[in-house]
């Protein structure tokens, strides 16, 4: 499969996540469960499990910090249904999800494979 097709294929979870967020934004718990199951499935069926899990954790922590700054410190954003510190739980998981997808897409662009060890 060529790079373009791989990028499109590995971008599908991103588009699926955007659709889920659009459809279920009123149910924070449901989105949290869906995103968590989705991310765990992506990591489990991937080849770089340990690396991808660490990238997911790092992305979730960074996302939490960024969202906390945006809602609590600078106040430039707010959410209609916040869970903790003005942030929906699922949004933190979606940051980790995004980091995970960016890792895969970056490796496809650089090496032609979404995995660090082909």
N, C-alpha and C. Protein backbone atom coordinates (compact mmCIF):
# COMPACT_ATOMS: atom_id res chain seq x y z
N UNK A 1 0.86 -1.17 0.00
CA UNK A 1 0.00 0.00 0.00
C UNK A 1 0.91 1.24 0.00
N UNK A 2 0.59 2.21 -0.84
CA UNK A 2 1.43 3.41 -0.92
C UNK A 2 1.18 4.35 0.27
N UNK A 3 2.05 5.33 0.43
CA UNK A 3 1.98 6.24 1.58
C UNK A 3 0.65 6.97 1.65
N UNK A 4 0.17 7.45 0.51
CA UNK A 4 -1.08 8.21 0.49
C UNK A 4 -2.22 7.36 1.04
N UNK A 5 -2.33 6.12 0.56
CA UNK A 5 -3.41 5.23 1.03
C UNK A 5 -3.25 4.91 2.52
N UNK A 6 -2.01 4.71 2.97
CA UNK A 6 -1.77 4.45 4.39
C UNK A 6 -2.17 5.64 5.26
N UNK A 7 -1.84 6.83 4.80
CA UNK A 7 -2.22 8.04 5.56
C UNK A 7 -3.75 8.13 5.64
N UNK A 8 -4.42 7.91 4.52
CA UNK A 8 -5.89 7.95 4.53
C UNK A 8 -6.44 6.88 5.47
N UNK A 9 -5.94 5.66 5.36
CA UNK A 9 -6.42 4.56 6.19
C UNK A 9 -6.22 4.85 7.68
N UNK A 10 -5.06 5.35 8.06
CA UNK A 10 -4.78 5.63 9.47
C UNK A 10 -5.38 6.95 9.93
N UNK A 11 -5.96 7.72 9.03
CA UNK A 11 -6.71 8.93 9.39
C UNK A 11 -8.18 8.61 9.65
N UNK A 12 -8.65 7.46 9.22
CA UNK A 12 -10.05 7.11 9.42
C UNK A 12 -10.48 7.15 10.89
N UNK A 13 -9.66 6.66 11.83
CA UNK A 13 -10.07 6.79 13.24
C UNK A 13 -10.26 8.24 13.67
N UNK A 14 -9.48 9.15 13.11
CA UNK A 14 -9.63 10.57 13.42
C UNK A 14 -10.99 11.07 12.98
N UNK A 15 -11.37 10.75 11.75
CA UNK A 15 -12.67 11.18 11.24
C UNK A 15 -13.81 10.51 12.01
N UNK A 16 -13.60 9.25 12.40
CA UNK A 16 -14.59 8.54 13.21
C UNK A 16 -14.74 9.23 14.57
N UNK A 17 -13.63 9.63 15.17
CA UNK A 17 -13.66 10.33 16.46
C UNK A 17 -14.38 11.67 16.36
N UNK A 18 -14.14 12.39 15.28
CA UNK A 18 -14.83 13.67 15.08
C UNK A 18 -16.33 13.44 14.95
N UNK A 19 -16.71 12.42 14.21
CA UNK A 19 -18.14 12.10 14.05
C UNK A 19 -18.76 11.72 15.39
N UNK A 20 -18.06 10.89 16.16
CA UNK A 20 -18.57 10.50 17.48
C UNK A 20 -18.74 11.71 18.39
N UNK A 21 -17.76 12.60 18.39
CA UNK A 21 -17.84 13.80 19.22
C UNK A 21 -19.02 14.66 18.82
N UNK A 22 -19.27 14.75 17.53
CA UNK A 22 -20.41 15.53 17.02
C UNK A 22 -21.74 14.90 17.44
N UNK A 23 -21.82 13.59 17.34
CA UNK A 23 -23.09 12.90 17.63
C UNK A 23 -23.40 12.79 19.12
N UNK A 24 -22.37 12.60 19.94
CA UNK A 24 -22.61 12.28 21.35
C UNK A 24 -22.03 13.30 22.33
N UNK A 25 -21.83 14.54 21.91
CA UNK A 25 -21.19 15.54 22.77
C UNK A 25 -21.96 15.82 24.04
N UNK A 26 -23.23 15.49 24.06
CA UNK A 26 -24.03 15.75 25.27
C UNK A 26 -23.84 14.68 26.34
N UNK A 27 -23.23 13.56 25.99
CA UNK A 27 -23.04 12.48 26.93
C UNK A 27 -21.55 12.26 27.18
N UNK A 28 -21.01 12.95 28.17
CA UNK A 28 -19.59 12.87 28.47
C UNK A 28 -19.15 11.45 28.82
N UNK A 29 -19.94 10.75 29.61
CA UNK A 29 -19.57 9.40 30.02
C UNK A 29 -19.55 8.45 28.83
N UNK A 30 -20.55 8.53 27.97
CA UNK A 30 -20.58 7.67 26.79
C UNK A 30 -19.37 7.94 25.89
N UNK A 31 -19.06 9.20 25.66
CA UNK A 31 -17.88 9.52 24.84
C UNK A 31 -16.60 9.05 25.49
N UNK A 32 -16.49 9.17 26.80
CA UNK A 32 -15.31 8.69 27.51
C UNK A 32 -15.14 7.18 27.30
N UNK A 33 -16.22 6.44 27.45
CA UNK A 33 -16.16 4.98 27.27
C UNK A 33 -15.81 4.64 25.82
N UNK A 34 -16.47 5.28 24.86
CA UNK A 34 -16.22 4.99 23.45
C UNK A 34 -14.77 5.30 23.09
N UNK A 35 -14.29 6.49 23.44
CA UNK A 35 -12.91 6.86 23.13
C UNK A 35 -11.92 5.92 23.82
N UNK A 36 -12.18 5.56 25.07
CA UNK A 36 -11.27 4.68 25.80
C UNK A 36 -11.18 3.31 25.14
N UNK A 37 -12.33 2.74 24.79
CA UNK A 37 -12.35 1.43 24.12
C UNK A 37 -11.66 1.53 22.77
N UNK A 38 -11.94 2.60 22.04
CA UNK A 38 -11.35 2.80 20.72
C UNK A 38 -9.83 2.90 20.81
N UNK A 39 -9.33 3.68 21.75
CA UNK A 39 -7.89 3.86 21.92
C UNK A 39 -7.23 2.55 22.36
N UNK A 40 -7.83 1.88 23.31
CA UNK A 40 -7.26 0.62 23.77
C UNK A 40 -7.23 -0.41 22.64
N UNK A 41 -8.25 -0.40 21.79
CA UNK A 41 -8.26 -1.29 20.63
C UNK A 41 -7.17 -0.94 19.64
N UNK A 42 -6.98 0.36 19.37
CA UNK A 42 -5.92 0.78 18.47
C UNK A 42 -4.55 0.35 18.99
N UNK A 43 -4.33 0.53 20.28
CA UNK A 43 -3.05 0.16 20.87
C UNK A 43 -2.87 -1.36 20.86
N UNK A 44 -3.92 -2.08 21.25
CA UNK A 44 -3.84 -3.54 21.34
C UNK A 44 -3.54 -4.18 19.98
N UNK A 45 -4.19 -3.68 18.93
CA UNK A 45 -4.01 -4.28 17.61
C UNK A 45 -2.84 -3.68 16.83
N UNK A 46 -2.14 -2.74 17.44
CA UNK A 46 -0.95 -2.17 16.81
C UNK A 46 0.28 -2.99 17.12
N UNK A 47 1.39 -2.60 16.54
CA UNK A 47 2.64 -3.34 16.73
C UNK A 47 3.55 -2.71 17.78
N UNK A 48 3.36 -1.44 18.07
CA UNK A 48 4.22 -0.71 19.01
C UNK A 48 3.45 -0.45 20.31
N UNK A 49 2.93 -1.49 20.93
CA UNK A 49 2.02 -1.32 22.07
C UNK A 49 2.59 -0.47 23.20
N UNK A 50 3.78 -0.79 23.66
CA UNK A 50 4.34 -0.06 24.79
C UNK A 50 4.58 1.41 24.41
N UNK A 51 5.18 1.63 23.26
CA UNK A 51 5.45 3.00 22.79
C UNK A 51 4.16 3.77 22.62
N UNK A 52 3.18 3.15 21.98
CA UNK A 52 1.92 3.85 21.73
C UNK A 52 1.16 4.12 23.03
N UNK A 53 1.24 3.22 23.99
CA UNK A 53 0.59 3.47 25.27
C UNK A 53 1.24 4.67 25.95
N UNK A 54 2.57 4.74 25.93
CA UNK A 54 3.28 5.88 26.54
C UNK A 54 2.96 7.18 25.80
N UNK A 55 2.87 7.13 24.48
CA UNK A 55 2.49 8.32 23.71
C UNK A 55 1.08 8.75 24.06
N UNK A 56 0.18 7.79 24.22
CA UNK A 56 -1.19 8.10 24.62
C UNK A 56 -1.23 8.78 25.99
N UNK A 57 -0.49 8.23 26.96
CA UNK A 57 -0.45 8.82 28.30
C UNK A 57 0.11 10.23 28.24
N UNK A 58 1.23 10.40 27.53
CA UNK A 58 1.85 11.71 27.39
C UNK A 58 0.87 12.70 26.75
N UNK A 59 0.21 12.31 25.66
CA UNK A 59 -0.74 13.18 24.99
C UNK A 59 -1.91 13.55 25.87
N UNK A 60 -2.38 12.61 26.67
CA UNK A 60 -3.49 12.88 27.59
C UNK A 60 -3.08 13.88 28.66
N UNK A 61 -1.87 13.74 29.19
CA UNK A 61 -1.39 14.67 30.22
C UNK A 61 -1.21 16.07 29.62
N UNK A 62 -0.57 16.14 28.46
CA UNK A 62 -0.38 17.44 27.79
C UNK A 62 -1.73 18.08 27.48
N UNK A 63 -2.66 17.27 26.97
CA UNK A 63 -4.00 17.78 26.66
C UNK A 63 -4.71 18.32 27.88
N UNK A 64 -4.59 17.60 29.00
CA UNK A 64 -5.20 18.07 30.25
C UNK A 64 -4.61 19.41 30.67
N UNK A 65 -3.30 19.53 30.56
CA UNK A 65 -2.64 20.79 30.94
C UNK A 65 -3.10 21.92 30.03
N UNK A 66 -3.13 21.68 28.73
CA UNK A 66 -3.55 22.72 27.79
C UNK A 66 -4.99 23.12 28.02
N UNK A 67 -5.87 22.14 28.21
CA UNK A 67 -7.28 22.46 28.45
C UNK A 67 -7.48 23.16 29.78
N UNK A 68 -6.71 22.79 30.80
CA UNK A 68 -6.79 23.47 32.09
C UNK A 68 -6.37 24.93 31.97
N UNK A 69 -5.30 25.18 31.23
CA UNK A 69 -4.87 26.56 30.99
C UNK A 69 -5.97 27.33 30.28
N UNK A 70 -6.57 26.71 29.27
CA UNK A 70 -7.61 27.38 28.50
C UNK A 70 -8.88 27.67 29.27
N UNK A 71 -9.22 26.81 30.22
CA UNK A 71 -10.47 27.00 30.96
C UNK A 71 -10.28 27.71 32.30
N UNK A 72 -9.24 27.36 33.03
CA UNK A 72 -9.08 27.86 34.39
C UNK A 72 -8.13 29.04 34.52
N UNK A 73 -7.05 29.05 33.77
CA UNK A 73 -6.04 30.08 33.96
C UNK A 73 -6.31 31.29 33.08
N UNK A 74 -6.39 31.08 31.77
CA UNK A 74 -6.61 32.23 30.88
C UNK A 74 -8.09 32.46 30.61
N UNK A 75 -8.89 31.41 30.73
CA UNK A 75 -10.34 31.55 30.55
C UNK A 75 -10.79 31.82 29.12
N UNK A 76 -9.98 31.46 28.14
CA UNK A 76 -10.36 31.75 26.77
C UNK A 76 -11.32 30.72 26.19
N UNK A 77 -11.62 29.67 26.94
CA UNK A 77 -12.59 28.69 26.45
C UNK A 77 -13.39 28.13 27.60
N UNK A 78 -14.54 27.57 27.26
CA UNK A 78 -15.38 26.90 28.24
C UNK A 78 -16.17 25.82 27.53
N UNK A 79 -16.68 24.88 28.31
CA UNK A 79 -17.44 23.77 27.77
C UNK A 79 -18.82 23.75 28.41
N UNK A 80 -19.82 23.32 27.64
CA UNK A 80 -21.19 23.33 28.15
C UNK A 80 -21.45 22.25 29.18
N UNK A 81 -20.69 21.16 29.12
CA UNK A 81 -20.88 20.08 30.08
C UNK A 81 -19.53 19.61 30.65
N UNK A 82 -18.91 20.44 31.47
CA UNK A 82 -17.60 20.06 32.02
C UNK A 82 -17.71 19.01 33.11
N UNK A 83 -16.65 18.23 33.29
CA UNK A 83 -16.60 17.23 34.35
C UNK A 83 -15.65 17.64 35.47
N UNK A 84 -14.42 17.97 35.12
CA UNK A 84 -13.42 18.31 36.13
C UNK A 84 -12.63 19.53 35.64
N UNK A 85 -12.49 20.51 36.50
CA UNK A 85 -11.79 21.75 36.17
C UNK A 85 -12.29 22.38 34.87
N UNK A 86 -13.57 22.21 34.60
CA UNK A 86 -14.17 22.81 33.41
C UNK A 86 -13.94 22.05 32.13
N UNK A 87 -13.44 20.81 32.23
CA UNK A 87 -13.08 20.01 31.06
C UNK A 87 -13.86 18.69 31.07
N UNK A 88 -14.45 18.30 29.93
CA UNK A 88 -15.04 16.95 29.85
C UNK A 88 -13.94 15.88 29.89
N UNK A 89 -14.18 14.79 30.61
CA UNK A 89 -13.19 13.71 30.69
C UNK A 89 -12.77 13.20 29.32
N UNK A 90 -13.75 13.03 28.44
CA UNK A 90 -13.45 12.44 27.13
C UNK A 90 -12.49 13.29 26.32
N UNK A 91 -12.47 14.59 26.57
CA UNK A 91 -11.58 15.47 25.81
C UNK A 91 -10.11 15.16 26.10
N UNK A 92 -9.81 14.82 27.34
CA UNK A 92 -8.44 14.46 27.71
C UNK A 92 -8.03 13.18 26.98
N UNK A 93 -8.93 12.21 26.93
CA UNK A 93 -8.65 10.95 26.21
C UNK A 93 -8.48 11.22 24.72
N UNK A 94 -9.27 12.15 24.18
CA UNK A 94 -9.15 12.44 22.75
C UNK A 94 -7.82 13.10 22.41
N UNK A 95 -7.22 13.82 23.34
CA UNK A 95 -5.88 14.38 23.12
C UNK A 95 -4.87 13.24 22.97
N UNK A 96 -4.92 12.27 23.85
CA UNK A 96 -4.03 11.11 23.74
C UNK A 96 -4.26 10.35 22.45
N UNK A 97 -5.52 10.22 22.07
CA UNK A 97 -5.92 9.59 20.82
C UNK A 97 -5.29 10.32 19.63
N UNK A 98 -5.36 11.65 19.66
CA UNK A 98 -4.77 12.45 18.59
C UNK A 98 -3.26 12.29 18.51
N UNK A 99 -2.60 12.27 19.66
CA UNK A 99 -1.14 12.06 19.68
C UNK A 99 -0.80 10.71 19.07
N UNK A 100 -1.57 9.70 19.42
CA UNK A 100 -1.34 8.35 18.90
C UNK A 100 -1.48 8.32 17.38
N UNK A 101 -2.51 8.94 16.86
CA UNK A 101 -2.71 8.97 15.41
C UNK A 101 -1.62 9.78 14.71
N UNK A 102 -1.20 10.87 15.33
CA UNK A 102 -0.13 11.68 14.73
C UNK A 102 1.19 10.90 14.69
N UNK A 103 1.44 10.08 15.69
CA UNK A 103 2.64 9.24 15.68
C UNK A 103 2.61 8.32 14.48
N UNK A 104 1.47 7.66 14.28
CA UNK A 104 1.35 6.72 13.16
C UNK A 104 1.48 7.42 11.82
N UNK A 105 0.79 8.53 11.66
CA UNK A 105 0.82 9.25 10.38
C UNK A 105 2.21 9.83 10.12
N UNK A 106 2.86 10.32 11.16
CA UNK A 106 4.23 10.84 10.99
C UNK A 106 5.18 9.75 10.52
N UNK A 107 5.07 8.56 11.10
CA UNK A 107 5.94 7.46 10.69
C UNK A 107 5.64 7.02 9.26
N UNK A 108 4.38 7.06 8.86
CA UNK A 108 4.04 6.72 7.47
C UNK A 108 4.71 7.71 6.53
N UNK A 109 4.62 8.98 6.84
CA UNK A 109 5.23 10.01 5.99
C UNK A 109 6.75 9.84 5.95
N UNK A 110 7.35 9.54 7.11
CA UNK A 110 8.82 9.45 7.18
C UNK A 110 9.36 8.13 6.64
N UNK A 111 8.67 7.02 6.93
CA UNK A 111 9.25 5.72 6.60
C UNK A 111 8.39 4.84 5.71
N UNK A 112 7.12 5.21 5.54
CA UNK A 112 6.22 4.38 4.75
C UNK A 112 5.49 3.32 5.56
N UNK A 113 5.70 3.32 6.89
CA UNK A 113 5.04 2.36 7.77
C UNK A 113 4.59 3.08 9.04
N UNK A 114 3.44 2.70 9.62
CA UNK A 114 2.99 3.33 10.86
C UNK A 114 3.70 2.78 12.10
N UNK A 115 4.59 1.82 11.92
CA UNK A 115 5.25 1.17 13.04
C UNK A 115 6.72 1.54 13.10
N UNK A 116 7.20 1.74 14.31
CA UNK A 116 8.61 2.11 14.50
C UNK A 116 9.54 0.99 14.04
N UNK A 117 9.16 -0.25 14.30
CA UNK A 117 9.95 -1.41 13.89
C UNK A 117 9.16 -2.19 12.85
N UNK A 118 9.51 -2.00 11.60
CA UNK A 118 8.78 -2.68 10.51
C UNK A 118 8.87 -4.18 10.65
